[in-house]
Amino acid sequence: MTRGRTFVLWLGVAAAPLAWFAQLAIGYESVEGGCAPGGGAGEVLGMGTDSAALVVTAIAALVAGIGVFAALVTWRVEEDPGYVRFLGFAGFVGGAVLLATILLAGIGILALSPCGQA
């Protein structure tokens, strides 16, 4: 296996989980910092909490989509039915689930106000 194919394999396996984790951690911290009483006054880095959370979601969805595509390429190109093809399939399925999770979180950001009262 060449270095390029190894990189594509690990991109397909790891990109979506890392993107989901980053969206979860960074998105939560940006909303908490922006909505804190006396803290952010509803702003994060000069933009509203909604906008900041949507930017984080869009970047995470892009990274996860790249990972899903890389996993799909690995799964479809590999001819030997071994661990490489299995990792490509697992990365594709897991990445697709996590990409859907990221997109559903984005829909929640659009539908609900992050700084609203419970």
PDB file of N, CA and C in Angstrom:
ATOM      1  N   MET A   1       0.852  -1.171   0.000  1.00  0.00           N
ATOM      2  CA  MET A   1       0.000   0.000   0.000  1.00  0.00           C
ATOM      3  C   MET A   1       0.901   1.237   0.000  1.00  0.00           C
ATOM      4  N   THR A   2       0.596   2.184  -0.870  1.00  0.00           N
ATOM      5  CA  THR A   2       1.410   3.389  -0.967  1.00  0.00           C
ATOM      6  C   THR A   2       1.038   4.385   0.132  1.00  0.00           C
ATOM      7  N   ARG A   3       1.872   5.397   0.287  1.00  0.00           N
ATOM      8  CA  ARG A   3       1.614   6.414   1.309  1.00  0.00           C
ATOM      9  C   ARG A   3       0.335   7.182   1.022  1.00  0.00           C
ATOM     10  N   GLY A   4       0.100   7.461  -0.254  1.00  0.00           N
ATOM     11  CA  GLY A   4      -1.115   8.193  -0.626  1.00  0.00           C
ATOM     12  C   GLY A   4      -2.374   7.411  -0.310  1.00  0.00           C
ATOM     13  N   ARG A   5      -2.363   6.138  -0.609  1.00  0.00           N
ATOM     14  CA  ARG A   5      -3.539   5.305  -0.308  1.00  0.00           C
ATOM     15  C   ARG A   5      -3.734   5.138   1.190  1.00  0.00           C
ATOM     16  N   THR A   6      -2.619   5.064   1.925  1.00  0.00           N
ATOM     17  CA  THR A   6      -2.724   4.986   3.382  1.00  0.00           C
ATOM     18  C   THR A   6      -3.333   6.265   3.947  1.00  0.00           C
ATOM     19  N   PHE A   7      -2.910   7.414   3.417  1.00  0.00           N
ATOM     20  CA  PHE A   7      -3.476   8.685   3.865  1.00  0.00           C
ATOM     21  C   PHE A   7      -4.968   8.752   3.587  1.00  0.00           C
ATOM     22  N   VAL A   8      -5.390   8.358   2.392  1.00  0.00           N
ATOM     23  CA  VAL A   8      -6.805   8.384   2.036  1.00  0.00           C
ATOM     24  C   VAL A   8      -7.595   7.434   2.930  1.00  0.00           C
ATOM     25  N   LEU A   9      -7.023   6.270   3.227  1.00  0.00           N
ATOM     26  CA  LEU A   9      -7.690   5.317   4.115  1.00  0.00           C
ATOM     27  C   LEU A   9      -7.932   5.938   5.490  1.00  0.00           C
ATOM     28  N   TRP A  10      -6.900   6.516   6.091  1.00  0.00           N
ATOM     29  CA  TRP A  10      -7.050   7.079   7.435  1.00  0.00           C
ATOM     30  C   TRP A  10      -7.863   8.360   7.435  1.00  0.00           C
ATOM     31  N   LEU A  11      -7.849   9.096   6.341  1.00  0.00           N
ATOM     32  CA  LEU A  11      -8.736  10.249   6.211  1.00  0.00           C
ATOM     33  C   LEU A  11     -10.189   9.772   6.242  1.00  0.00           C
ATOM     34  N   GLY A  12     -10.482   8.698   5.532  1.00  0.00           N
ATOM     35  CA  GLY A  12     -11.832   8.156   5.517  1.00  0.00           C
ATOM     36  C   GLY A  12     -12.281   7.596   6.851  1.00  0.00           C
ATOM     37  N   VAL A  13     -11.340   7.062   7.608  1.00  0.00           N
ATOM     38  CA  VAL A  13     -11.691   6.479   8.905  1.00  0.00           C
ATOM     39  C   VAL A  13     -11.827   7.550   9.986  1.00  0.00           C
ATOM     40  N   ALA A  14     -10.966   8.560   9.974  1.00  0.00           N
ATOM     41  CA  ALA A  14     -10.876   9.476  11.112  1.00  0.00           C
ATOM     42  C   ALA A  14     -11.507  10.845  10.899  1.00  0.00           C
ATOM     43  N   ALA A  15     -11.721  11.280   9.678  1.00  0.00           N
ATOM     44  CA  ALA A  15     -12.177  12.657   9.447  1.00  0.00           C
ATOM     45  C   ALA A  15     -13.556  12.935  10.051  1.00  0.00           C
ATOM     46  N   ALA A  16     -14.525  12.085   9.812  1.00  0.00           N
ATOM     47  CA  ALA A  16     -15.885  12.337  10.303  1.00  0.00           C
ATOM     48  C   ALA A  16     -15.971  12.308  11.825  1.00  0.00           C
ATOM     49  N   PRO A  17     -15.366  11.325  12.514  1.00  0.00           N
ATOM     50  CA  PRO A  17     -15.427  11.378  13.976  1.00  0.00           C
ATOM     51  C   PRO A  17     -14.746  12.614  14.564  1.00  0.00           C
ATOM     52  N   LEU A  18     -13.624  13.012  13.988  1.00  0.00           N
ATOM     53  CA  LEU A  18     -12.938  14.206  14.492  1.00  0.00           C
ATOM     54  C   LEU A  18     -13.744  15.470  14.199  1.00  0.00           C
ATOM     55  N   ALA A  19     -14.385  15.538  13.037  1.00  0.00           N
ATOM     56  CA  ALA A  19     -15.224  16.690  12.705  1.00  0.00           C
ATOM     57  C   ALA A  19     -16.427  16.773  13.636  1.00  0.00           C
ATOM     58  N   TRP A  20     -17.043  15.635  13.921  1.00  0.00           N
ATOM     59  CA  TRP A  20     -18.188  15.622  14.832  1.00  0.00           C
ATOM     60  C   TRP A  20     -17.768  16.072  16.229  1.00  0.00           C
ATOM     61  N   PHE A  21     -16.632  15.565  16.704  1.00  0.00           N
ATOM     62  CA  PHE A  21     -16.151  15.963  18.026  1.00  0.00           C
ATOM     63  C   PHE A  21     -15.832  17.456  18.057  1.00  0.00           C
ATOM     64  N   ALA A  22     -15.204  17.966  17.013  1.00  0.00           N
ATOM     65  CA  ALA A  22     -14.870  19.391  16.969  1.00  0.00           C
ATOM     66  C   ALA A  22     -16.140  20.238  16.958  1.00  0.00           C
ATOM     67  N   GLN A  23     -17.138  19.818  16.194  1.00  0.00           N
ATOM     68  CA  GLN A  23     -18.389  20.564  16.182  1.00  0.00           C
ATOM     69  C   GLN A  23     -19.045  20.553  17.557  1.00  0.00           C
ATOM     70  N   LEU A  24     -19.017  19.418  18.195  1.00  0.00           N
ATOM     71  CA  LEU A  24     -19.619  19.298  19.517  1.00  0.00           C
ATOM     72  C   LEU A  24     -18.901  20.176  20.524  1.00  0.00           C
ATOM     73  N   ALA A  25     -17.576  20.106  20.575  1.00  0.00           N
ATOM     74  CA  ALA A  25     -16.804  20.842  21.576  1.00  0.00           C
ATOM     75  C   ALA A  25     -16.754  22.337  21.273  1.00  0.00           C
ATOM     76  N   ILE A  26     -16.384  22.704  20.057  1.00  0.00           N
ATOM     77  CA  ILE A  26     -16.239  24.122  19.716  1.00  0.00           C
ATOM     78  C   ILE A  26     -17.595  24.811  19.658  1.00  0.00           C
ATOM     79  N   GLY A  27     -18.585  24.129  19.092  1.00  0.00           N
ATOM     80  CA  GLY A  27     -19.923  24.715  19.035  1.00  0.00           C
ATOM     81  C   GLY A  27     -20.500  24.956  20.418  1.00  0.00           C
ATOM     82  N   TYR A  28     -20.321  24.014  21.310  1.00  0.00           N
ATOM     83  CA  TYR A  28     -20.829  24.175  22.674  1.00  0.00           C
ATOM     84  C   TYR A  28     -20.131  25.337  23.371  1.00  0.00           C
ATOM     85  N   GLU A  29     -18.815  25.392  23.244  1.00  0.00           N
ATOM     86  CA  GLU A  29     -18.066  26.459  23.915  1.00  0.00           C
ATOM     87  C   GLU A  29     -18.390  27.826  23.332  1.00  0.00           C
ATOM     88  N   SER A  30     -18.601  27.921  22.032  1.00  0.00           N
ATOM     89  CA  SER A  30     -18.927  29.221  21.439  1.00  0.00           C
ATOM     90  C   SER A  30     -20.303  29.696  21.891  1.00  0.00           C
ATOM     91  N   VAL A  31     -21.257  28.800  21.967  1.00  0.00           N
ATOM     92  CA  VAL A  31     -22.593  29.184  22.419  1.00  0.00           C
ATOM     93  C   VAL A  31     -22.574  29.519  23.904  1.00  0.00           C
ATOM     94  N   GLU A  32     -21.889  28.722  24.708  1.00  0.00           N
ATOM     95  CA  GLU A  32     -21.816  29.013  26.140  1.00  0.00           C
ATOM     96  C   GLU A  32     -21.123  30.344  26.407  1.00  0.00           C
ATOM     97  N   GLY A  33     -20.029  30.605  25.683  1.00  0.00           N
ATOM     98  CA  GLY A  33     -19.321  31.879  25.869  1.00  0.00           C
ATOM     99  C   GLY A  33     -20.136  33.058  25.399  1.00  0.00           C
ATOM    100  N   GLY A  34     -20.867  32.890  24.306  1.00  0.00           N
ATOM    101  CA  GLY A  34     -21.672  33.981  23.774  1.00  0.00           C
ATOM    102  C   GLY A  34     -22.941  34.239  24.553  1.00  0.00           C
ATOM    103  N   CYS A  35     -23.462  33.222  25.205  1.00  0.00           N
ATOM    104  CA  CYS A  35     -24.720  33.364  25.933  1.00  0.00           C
ATOM    105  C   CYS A  35     -24.530  33.588  27.431  1.00  0.00           C
ATOM    106  N   ALA A  36     -23.297  33.566  27.909  1.00  0.00           N
ATOM    107  CA  ALA A  36     -23.052  33.718  29.342  1.00  0.00           C
ATOM    108  C   ALA A  36     -23.498  35.107  29.800  1.00  0.00           C
ATOM    109  N   PRO A  37     -24.192  35.174  30.931  1.00  0.00           N
ATOM    110  CA  PRO A  37     -24.600  36.487  31.423  1.00  0.00           C
ATOM    111  C   PRO A  37     -23.361  37.317  31.784  1.00  0.00           C
ATOM    112  N   GLY A  38     -23.267  38.486  31.190  1.00  0.00           N
ATOM    113  CA  GLY A  38     -22.114  39.345  31.450  1.00  0.00           C
ATOM    114  C   GLY A  38     -20.870  38.906  30.715  1.00  0.00           C
ATOM    115  N   GLY A  39     -20.963  37.859  29.905  1.00  0.00           N
ATOM    116  CA  GLY A  39     -19.783  37.339  29.221  1.00  0.00           C
ATOM    117  C   GLY A  39     -19.691  37.809  27.799  1.00  0.00           C
ATOM    118  N   GLY A  40     -20.480  37.237  26.931  1.00  0.00           N
ATOM    119  CA  GLY A  40     -20.313  37.512  25.518  1.00  0.00           C
ATOM    120  C   GLY A  40     -21.340  38.444  24.914  1.00  0.00           C
ATOM    121  N   ALA A  41     -22.399  38.754  25.612  1.00  0.00           N
ATOM    122  CA  ALA A  41     -23.466  39.623  25.102  1.00  0.00           C
ATOM    123  C   ALA A  41     -24.016  39.113  23.774  1.00  0.00           C
ATOM    124  N   GLY A  42     -24.053  37.800  23.603  1.00  0.00           N
ATOM    125  CA  GLY A  42     -24.604  37.202  22.397  1.00  0.00           C
ATOM    126  C   GLY A  42     -23.693  37.222  21.196  1.00  0.00           C
ATOM    127  N   GLU A  43     -22.386  37.467  21.404  1.00  0.00           N
ATOM    128  CA  GLU A  43     -21.449  37.504  20.294  1.00  0.00           C
ATOM    129  C   GLU A  43     -20.257  36.601  20.549  1.00  0.00           C
ATOM    130  N   VAL A  44     -19.745  36.021  19.473  1.00  0.00           N
ATOM    131  CA  VAL A  44     -18.533  35.214  19.499  1.00  0.00           C
ATOM    132  C   VAL A  44     -17.680  35.661  18.323  1.00  0.00           C
ATOM    133  N   LEU A  45     -16.498  36.169  18.599  1.00  0.00           N
ATOM    134  CA  LEU A  45     -15.583  36.651  17.558  1.00  0.00           C
ATOM    135  C   LEU A  45     -16.248  37.646  16.614  1.00  0.00           C
ATOM    136  N   GLY A  46     -17.060  38.521  17.162  1.00  0.00           N
ATOM    137  CA  GLY A  46     -17.686  39.567  16.364  1.00  0.00           C
ATOM    138  C   GLY A  46     -18.932  39.156  15.618  1.00  0.00           C
ATOM    139  N   MET A  47     -19.372  37.922  15.744  1.00  0.00           N
ATOM    140  CA  MET A  47     -20.615  37.499  15.087  1.00  0.00           C
ATOM    141  C   MET A  47     -21.538  36.887  16.124  1.00  0.00           C
ATOM    142  N   GLY A  48     -22.803  36.808  15.790  1.00  0.00           N
ATOM    143  CA  GLY A  48     -23.780  36.252  16.711  1.00  0.00           C
ATOM    144  C   GLY A  48     -23.536  34.779  16.989  1.00  0.00           C
ATOM    145  N   THR A  49     -24.087  34.308  18.081  1.00  0.00           N
ATOM    146  CA  THR A  49     -23.885  32.905  18.446  1.00  0.00           C
ATOM    147  C   THR A  49     -24.468  31.962  17.398  1.00  0.00           C
ATOM    148  N   ASP A  50     -25.608  32.348  16.791  1.00  0.00           N
ATOM    149  CA  ASP A  50     -26.186  31.524  15.729  1.00  0.00           C
ATOM    150  C   ASP A  50     -25.218  31.397  14.560  1.00  0.00           C
ATOM    151  N   SER A  51     -24.661  32.526  14.139  1.00  0.00           N
ATOM    152  CA  SER A  51     -23.734  32.525  13.008  1.00  0.00           C
ATOM    153  C   SER A  51     -22.474  31.726  13.318  1.00  0.00           C
ATOM    154  N   ALA A  52     -21.930  31.907  14.520  1.00  0.00           N
ATOM    155  CA  ALA A  52     -20.715  31.174  14.892  1.00  0.00           C
ATOM    156  C   ALA A  52     -20.968  29.671  14.912  1.00  0.00           C
ATOM    157  N   ALA A  53     -22.096  29.260  15.478  1.00  0.00           N
ATOM    158  CA  ALA A  53     -22.418  27.832  15.523  1.00  0.00           C
ATOM    159  C   ALA A  53     -22.653  27.274  14.124  1.00  0.00           C
ATOM    160  N   LEU A  54     -23.251  28.054  13.239  1.00  0.00           N
ATOM    161  CA  LEU A  54     -23.469  27.591  11.864  1.00  0.00           C
ATOM    162  C   LEU A  54     -22.159  27.498  11.081  1.00  0.00           C
ATOM    163  N   VAL A  55     -21.226  28.415  11.330  1.00  0.00           N
ATOM    164  CA  VAL A  55     -19.923  28.338  10.665  1.00  0.00           C
ATOM    165  C   VAL A  55     -19.188  27.077  11.105  1.00  0.00           C
ATOM    166  N   VAL A  56     -19.204  26.805  12.400  1.00  0.00           N
ATOM    167  CA  VAL A  56     -18.562  25.590  12.919  1.00  0.00           C
ATOM    168  C   VAL A  56     -19.226  24.349  12.326  1.00  0.00           C
ATOM    169  N   THR A  57     -20.549  24.356  12.234  1.00  0.00           N
ATOM    170  CA  THR A  57     -21.281  23.226  11.659  1.00  0.00           C
ATOM    171  C   THR A  57     -20.952  23.039  10.184  1.00  0.00           C
ATOM    172  N   ALA A  58     -20.874  24.128   9.425  1.00  0.00           N
ATOM    173  CA  ALA A  58     -20.559  24.030   8.003  1.00  0.00           C
ATOM    174  C   ALA A  58     -19.155  23.470   7.785  1.00  0.00           C
ATOM    175  N   ILE A  59     -18.194  23.925   8.567  1.00  0.00           N
ATOM    176  CA  ILE A  59     -16.830  23.407   8.431  1.00  0.00           C
ATOM    177  C   ILE A  59     -16.776  21.930   8.811  1.00  0.00           C
ATOM    178  N   ALA A  60     -17.464  21.567   9.893  1.00  0.00           N
ATOM    179  CA  ALA A  60     -17.483  20.161  10.314  1.00  0.00           C
ATOM    180  C   ALA A  60     -18.154  19.287   9.258  1.00  0.00           C
ATOM    181  N   ALA A  61     -19.232  19.764   8.651  1.00  0.00           N
ATOM    182  CA  ALA A  61     -19.915  18.990   7.612  1.00  0.00           C
ATOM    183  C   ALA A  61     -19.022  18.819   6.383  1.00  0.00           C
ATOM    184  N   LEU A  62     -18.272  19.850   6.040  1.00  0.00           N
ATOM    185  CA  LEU A  62     -17.361  19.757   4.904  1.00  0.00           C
ATOM    186  C   LEU A  62     -16.263  18.727   5.161  1.00  0.00           C
ATOM    187  N   VAL A  63     -15.661  18.785   6.342  1.00  0.00           N
ATOM    188  CA  VAL A  63     -14.601  17.831   6.683  1.00  0.00           C
ATOM    189  C   VAL A  63     -15.154  16.408   6.725  1.00  0.00           C
ATOM    190  N   ALA A  64     -16.330  16.230   7.333  1.00  0.00           N
ATOM    191  CA  ALA A  64     -16.937  14.903   7.397  1.00  0.00           C
ATOM    192  C   ALA A  64     -17.294  14.397   6.005  1.00  0.00           C
ATOM    193  N   GLY A  65     -17.785  15.277   5.128  1.00  0.00           N
ATOM    194  CA  GLY A  65     -18.098  14.882   3.763  1.00  0.00           C
ATOM    195  C   GLY A  65     -16.864  14.437   2.994  1.00  0.00           C
ATOM    196  N   ILE A  66     -15.752  15.128   3.207  1.00  0.00           N
ATOM    197  CA  ILE A  66     -14.490  14.717   2.585  1.00  0.00           C
ATOM    198  C   ILE A  66     -14.077  13.339   3.096  1.00  0.00           C
ATOM    199  N   GLY A  67     -14.242  13.112   4.393  1.00  0.00           N
ATOM    200  CA  GLY A  67     -13.914  11.812   4.966  1.00  0.00           C
ATOM    201  C   GLY A  67     -14.785  10.687   4.429  1.00  0.00           C
ATOM    202  N   VAL A  68     -16.076  10.955   4.275  1.00  0.00           N
ATOM    203  CA  VAL A  68     -16.993   9.949   3.730  1.00  0.00           C
ATOM    204  C   VAL A  68     -16.610   9.622   2.295  1.00  0.00           C
ATOM    205  N   PHE A  69     -16.279  10.642   1.522  1.00  0.00           N
ATOM    206  CA  PHE A  69     -15.864  10.411   0.139  1.00  0.00           C
ATOM    207  C   PHE A  69     -14.565   9.609   0.084  1.00  0.00           C
ATOM    208  N   ALA A  70     -13.605   9.938   0.948  1.00  0.00           N
ATOM    209  CA  ALA A  70     -12.340   9.194   0.969  1.00  0.00           C
ATOM    210  C   ALA A  70     -12.569   7.736   1.352  1.00  0.00           C
ATOM    211  N   ALA A  71     -13.465   7.495   2.313  1.00  0.00           N
ATOM    212  CA  ALA A  71     -13.769   6.117   2.708  1.00  0.00           C
ATOM    213  C   ALA A  71     -14.461   5.366   1.577  1.00  0.00           C
ATOM    214  N   LEU A  72     -15.358   6.037   0.870  1.00  0.00           N
ATOM    215  CA  LEU A  72     -16.043   5.413  -0.261  1.00  0.00           C
ATOM    216  C   LEU A  72     -15.050   5.041  -1.358  1.00  0.00           C
ATOM    217  N   VAL A  73     -14.117   5.934  -1.640  1.00  0.00           N
ATOM    218  CA  VAL A  73     -13.099   5.649  -2.653  1.00  0.00           C
ATOM    219  C   VAL A  73     -12.255   4.451  -2.225  1.00  0.00           C
ATOM    220  N   THR A  74     -11.850   4.429  -0.965  1.00  0.00           N
ATOM    221  CA  THR A  74     -11.047   3.302  -0.463  1.00  0.00           C
ATOM    222  C   THR A  74     -11.818   1.995  -0.583  1.00  0.00           C
ATOM    223  N   TRP A  75     -13.069   2.013  -0.200  1.00  0.00           N
ATOM    224  CA  TRP A  75     -13.887   0.797  -0.232  1.00  0.00           C
ATOM    225  C   TRP A  75     -14.101   0.305  -1.666  1.00  0.00           C
ATOM    226  N   ARG A  76     -14.358   1.230  -2.593  1.00  0.00           N
ATOM    227  CA  ARG A  76     -14.678   0.829  -3.956  1.00  0.00           C
ATOM    228  C   ARG A  76     -13.436   0.476  -4.774  1.00  0.00           C
ATOM    229  N   VAL A  77     -12.287   1.109  -4.500  1.00  0.00           N
ATOM    230  CA  VAL A  77     -11.084   0.893  -5.302  1.00  0.00           C
ATOM    231  C   VAL A  77     -10.339  -0.372  -4.874  1.00  0.00           C
ATOM    232  N   GLU A  78     -10.328  -0.638  -3.588  1.00  0.00           N
ATOM    233  CA  GLU A  78      -9.585  -1.798  -3.069  1.00  0.00           C
ATOM    234  C   GLU A  78     -10.227  -3.092  -3.560  1.00  0.00           C
ATOM    235  N   GLU A  79      -9.432  -3.937  -4.173  1.00  0.00           N
ATOM    236  CA  GLU A  79      -9.960  -5.188  -4.718  1.00  0.00           C
ATOM    237  C   GLU A  79      -9.740  -6.371  -3.791  1.00  0.00           C
ATOM    238  N   ASP A  80      -8.720  -6.300  -2.958  1.00  0.00           N
ATOM    239  CA  ASP A  80      -8.428  -7.394  -2.043  1.00  0.00           C
ATOM    240  C   ASP A  80      -9.406  -7.343  -0.867  1.00  0.00           C
ATOM    241  N   PRO A  81     -10.180  -8.424  -0.649  1.00  0.00           N
ATOM    242  CA  PRO A  81     -11.150  -8.390   0.446  1.00  0.00           C
ATOM    243  C   PRO A  81     -10.470  -8.594   1.800  1.00  0.00           C
ATOM    244  N   GLY A  82      -9.777  -7.601   2.249  1.00  0.00           N
ATOM    245  CA  GLY A  82      -9.056  -7.680   3.513  1.00  0.00           C
ATOM    246  C   GLY A  82      -9.425  -6.524   4.415  1.00  0.00           C
ATOM    247  N   TYR A  83      -8.512  -6.218   5.325  1.00  0.00           N
ATOM    248  CA  TYR A  83      -8.798  -5.201   6.322  1.00  0.00           C
ATOM    249  C   TYR A  83      -8.905  -3.800   5.714  1.00  0.00           C
ATOM    250  N   VAL A  84      -8.199  -3.518   4.627  1.00  0.00           N
ATOM    251  CA  VAL A  84      -8.262  -2.190   4.015  1.00  0.00           C
ATOM    252  C   VAL A  84      -9.655  -1.930   3.462  1.00  0.00           C
ATOM    253  N   ARG A  85     -10.198  -2.890   2.770  1.00  0.00           N
ATOM    254  CA  ARG A  85     -11.551  -2.728   2.236  1.00  0.00           C
ATOM    255  C   ARG A  85     -12.578  -2.641   3.368  1.00  0.00           C
ATOM    256  N   PHE A  86     -12.390  -3.423   4.417  1.00  0.00           N
ATOM    257  CA  PHE A  86     -13.285  -3.361   5.566  1.00  0.00           C
ATOM    258  C   PHE A  86     -13.226  -1.990   6.226  1.00  0.00           C
ATOM    259  N   LEU A  87     -12.007  -1.451   6.407  1.00  0.00           N
ATOM    260  CA  LEU A  87     -11.881  -0.126   7.008  1.00  0.00           C
ATOM    261  C   LEU A  87     -12.530   0.944   6.126  1.00  0.00           C
ATOM    262  N   GLY A  88     -12.428   0.797   4.816  1.00  0.00           N
ATOM    263  CA  GLY A  88     -13.105   1.727   3.921  1.00  0.00           C
ATOM    264  C   GLY A  88     -14.615   1.676   4.088  1.00  0.00           C
ATOM    265  N   PHE A  89     -15.148   0.460   4.173  1.00  0.00           N
ATOM    266  CA  PHE A  89     -16.596   0.306   4.372  1.00  0.00           C
ATOM    267  C   PHE A  89     -17.026   0.853   5.731  1.00  0.00           C
ATOM    268  N   ALA A  90     -16.276   0.505   6.775  1.00  0.00           N
ATOM    269  CA  ALA A  90     -16.618   0.985   8.119  1.00  0.00           C
ATOM    270  C   ALA A  90     -16.523   2.507   8.201  1.00  0.00           C
ATOM    271  N   GLY A  91     -15.506   3.079   7.574  1.00  0.00           N
ATOM    272  CA  GLY A  91     -15.379   4.532   7.551  1.00  0.00           C
ATOM    273  C   GLY A  91     -16.511   5.194   6.795  1.00  0.00           C
ATOM    274  N   PHE A  92     -16.949   4.555   5.709  1.00  0.00           N
ATOM    275  CA  PHE A  92     -18.062   5.096   4.934  1.00  0.00           C
ATOM    276  C   PHE A  92     -19.363   5.079   5.735  1.00  0.00           C
ATOM    277  N   VAL A  93     -19.684   3.953   6.335  1.00  0.00           N
ATOM    278  CA  VAL A  93     -20.939   3.843   7.090  1.00  0.00           C
ATOM    279  C   VAL A  93     -20.910   4.737   8.331  1.00  0.00           C
ATOM    280  N   GLY A  94     -19.827   4.643   9.095  1.00  0.00           N
ATOM    281  CA  GLY A  94     -19.723   5.470  10.294  1.00  0.00           C
ATOM    282  C   GLY A  94     -19.676   6.953   9.973  1.00  0.00           C
ATOM    283  N   GLY A  95     -18.948   7.304   8.920  1.00  0.00           N
ATOM    284  CA  GLY A  95     -18.873   8.701   8.518  1.00  0.00           C
ATOM    285  C   GLY A  95     -20.203   9.242   8.043  1.00  0.00           C
ATOM    286  N   ALA A  96     -20.972   8.422   7.330  1.00  0.00           N
ATOM    287  CA  ALA A  96     -22.288   8.862   6.869  1.00  0.00           C
ATOM    288  C   ALA A  96     -23.224   9.118   8.045  1.00  0.00           C
ATOM    289  N   VAL A  97     -23.163   8.272   9.049  1.00  0.00           N
ATOM    290  CA  VAL A  97     -23.988   8.468  10.248  1.00  0.00           C
ATOM    291  C   VAL A  97     -23.573   9.750  10.964  1.00  0.00           C
ATOM    292  N   LEU A  98     -22.274   9.966  11.104  1.00  0.00           N
ATOM    293  CA  LEU A  98     -21.810  11.172  11.789  1.00  0.00           C
ATOM    294  C   LEU A  98     -22.071  12.429  10.967  1.00  0.00           C
ATOM    295  N   LEU A  99     -21.983  12.340   9.657  1.00  0.00           N
ATOM    296  CA  LEU A  99     -22.331  13.483   8.808  1.00  0.00           C
ATOM    297  C   LEU A  99     -23.804  13.839   8.984  1.00  0.00           C
ATOM    298  N   ALA A 100     -24.663  12.834   9.036  1.00  0.00           N
ATOM    299  CA  ALA A 100     -26.085  13.084   9.283  1.00  0.00           C
ATOM    300  C   ALA A 100     -26.285  13.719  10.661  1.00  0.00           C
ATOM    301  N   THR A 101     -25.534  13.281  11.651  1.00  0.00           N
ATOM    302  CA  THR A 101     -25.625  13.860  12.992  1.00  0.00           C
ATOM    303  C   THR A 101     -25.215  15.327  12.980  1.00  0.00           C
ATOM    304  N   ILE A 102     -24.146  15.645  12.272  1.00  0.00           N
ATOM    305  CA  ILE A 102     -23.689  17.032  12.168  1.00  0.00           C
ATOM    306  C   ILE A 102     -24.754  17.892  11.487  1.00  0.00           C
ATOM    307  N   LEU A 103     -25.332  17.385  10.413  1.00  0.00           N
ATOM    308  CA  LEU A 103     -26.359  18.143   9.702  1.00  0.00           C
ATOM    309  C   LEU A 103     -27.627  18.324  10.537  1.00  0.00           C
ATOM    310  N   LEU A 104     -27.997  17.309  11.294  1.00  0.00           N
ATOM    311  CA  LEU A 104     -29.165  17.442  12.171  1.00  0.00           C
ATOM    312  C   LEU A 104     -28.917  18.456  13.281  1.00  0.00           C
ATOM    313  N   ALA A 105     -27.699  18.517  13.781  1.00  0.00           N
ATOM    314  CA  ALA A 105     -27.366  19.545  14.777  1.00  0.00           C
ATOM    315  C   ALA A 105     -27.460  20.930  14.156  1.00  0.00           C
ATOM    316  N   GLY A 106     -27.062  21.058  12.890  1.00  0.00           N
ATOM    317  CA  GLY A 106     -27.196  22.336  12.195  1.00  0.00           C
ATOM    318  C   GLY A 106     -28.644  22.750  12.025  1.00  0.00           C
ATOM    319  N   ILE A 107     -29.507  21.789  11.750  1.00  0.00           N
ATOM    320  CA  ILE A 107     -30.937  22.085  11.649  1.00  0.00           C
ATOM    321  C   ILE A 107     -31.470  22.556  12.998  1.00  0.00           C
ATOM    322  N   GLY A 108     -30.997  21.941  14.068  1.00  0.00           N
ATOM    323  CA  GLY A 108     -31.396  22.380  15.405  1.00  0.00           C
ATOM    324  C   GLY A 108     -30.948  23.796  15.709  1.00  0.00           C
ATOM    325  N   ILE A 109     -29.779  24.176  15.220  1.00  0.00           N
ATOM    326  CA  ILE A 109     -29.291  25.540  15.422  1.00  0.00           C
ATOM    327  C   ILE A 109     -30.183  26.530  14.674  1.00  0.00           C
ATOM    328  N   LEU A 110     -30.594  26.160  13.461  1.00  0.00           N
ATOM    329  CA  LEU A 110     -31.465  27.037  12.686  1.00  0.00           C
ATOM    330  C   LEU A 110     -32.858  27.147  13.301  1.00  0.00           C
ATOM    331  N   ALA A 111     -33.358  26.066  13.872  1.00  0.00           N
ATOM    332  CA  ALA A 111     -34.736  26.042  14.385  1.00  0.00           C
ATOM    333  C   ALA A 111     -34.864  26.644  15.776  1.00  0.00           C
ATOM    334  N   LEU A 112     -33.824  26.579  16.580  1.00  0.00           N
ATOM    335  CA  LEU A 112     -33.903  27.027  17.971  1.00  0.00           C
ATOM    336  C   LEU A 112     -32.899  28.139  18.225  1.00  0.00           C
ATOM    337  N   SER A 113     -33.229  29.011  19.146  1.00  0.00           N
ATOM    338  CA  SER A 113     -32.292  30.062  19.535  1.00  0.00           C
ATOM    339  C   SER A 113     -31.367  29.537  20.620  1.00  0.00           C
ATOM    340  N   PRO A 114     -30.037  29.563  20.393  1.00  0.00           N
ATOM    341  CA  PRO A 114     -29.127  29.015  21.400  1.00  0.00           C
ATOM    342  C   PRO A 114     -29.167  29.765  22.721  1.00  0.00           C
ATOM    343  N   CYS A 115     -29.478  31.067  22.701  1.00  0.00           N
ATOM    344  CA  CYS A 115     -29.472  31.844  23.935  1.00  0.00           C
ATOM    345  C   CYS A 115     -30.867  31.991  24.535  1.00  0.00           C
ATOM    346  N   GLY A 116     -31.854  31.273  24.034  1.00  0.00           N
ATOM    347  CA  GLY A 116     -33.212  31.378  24.551  1.00  0.00           C
ATOM    348  C   GLY A 116     -33.366  30.725  25.914  1.00  0.00           C
ATOM    349  N   GLN A 117     -34.423  31.057  26.576  1.00  0.00           N
ATOM    350  CA  GLN A 117     -34.718  30.475  27.881  1.00  0.00           C
ATOM    351  C   GLN A 117     -35.263  29.069  27.707  1.00  0.00           C
ATOM    352  N   ALA A 118     -34.964  28.203  28.664  1.00  0.00           N
ATOM    353  CA  ALA A 118     -35.438  26.828  28.616  1.00  0.00           C
ATOM    354  C   ALA A 118     -36.869  26.737  29.065  1.00  0.00           C
TER     355      ALA A 118
END
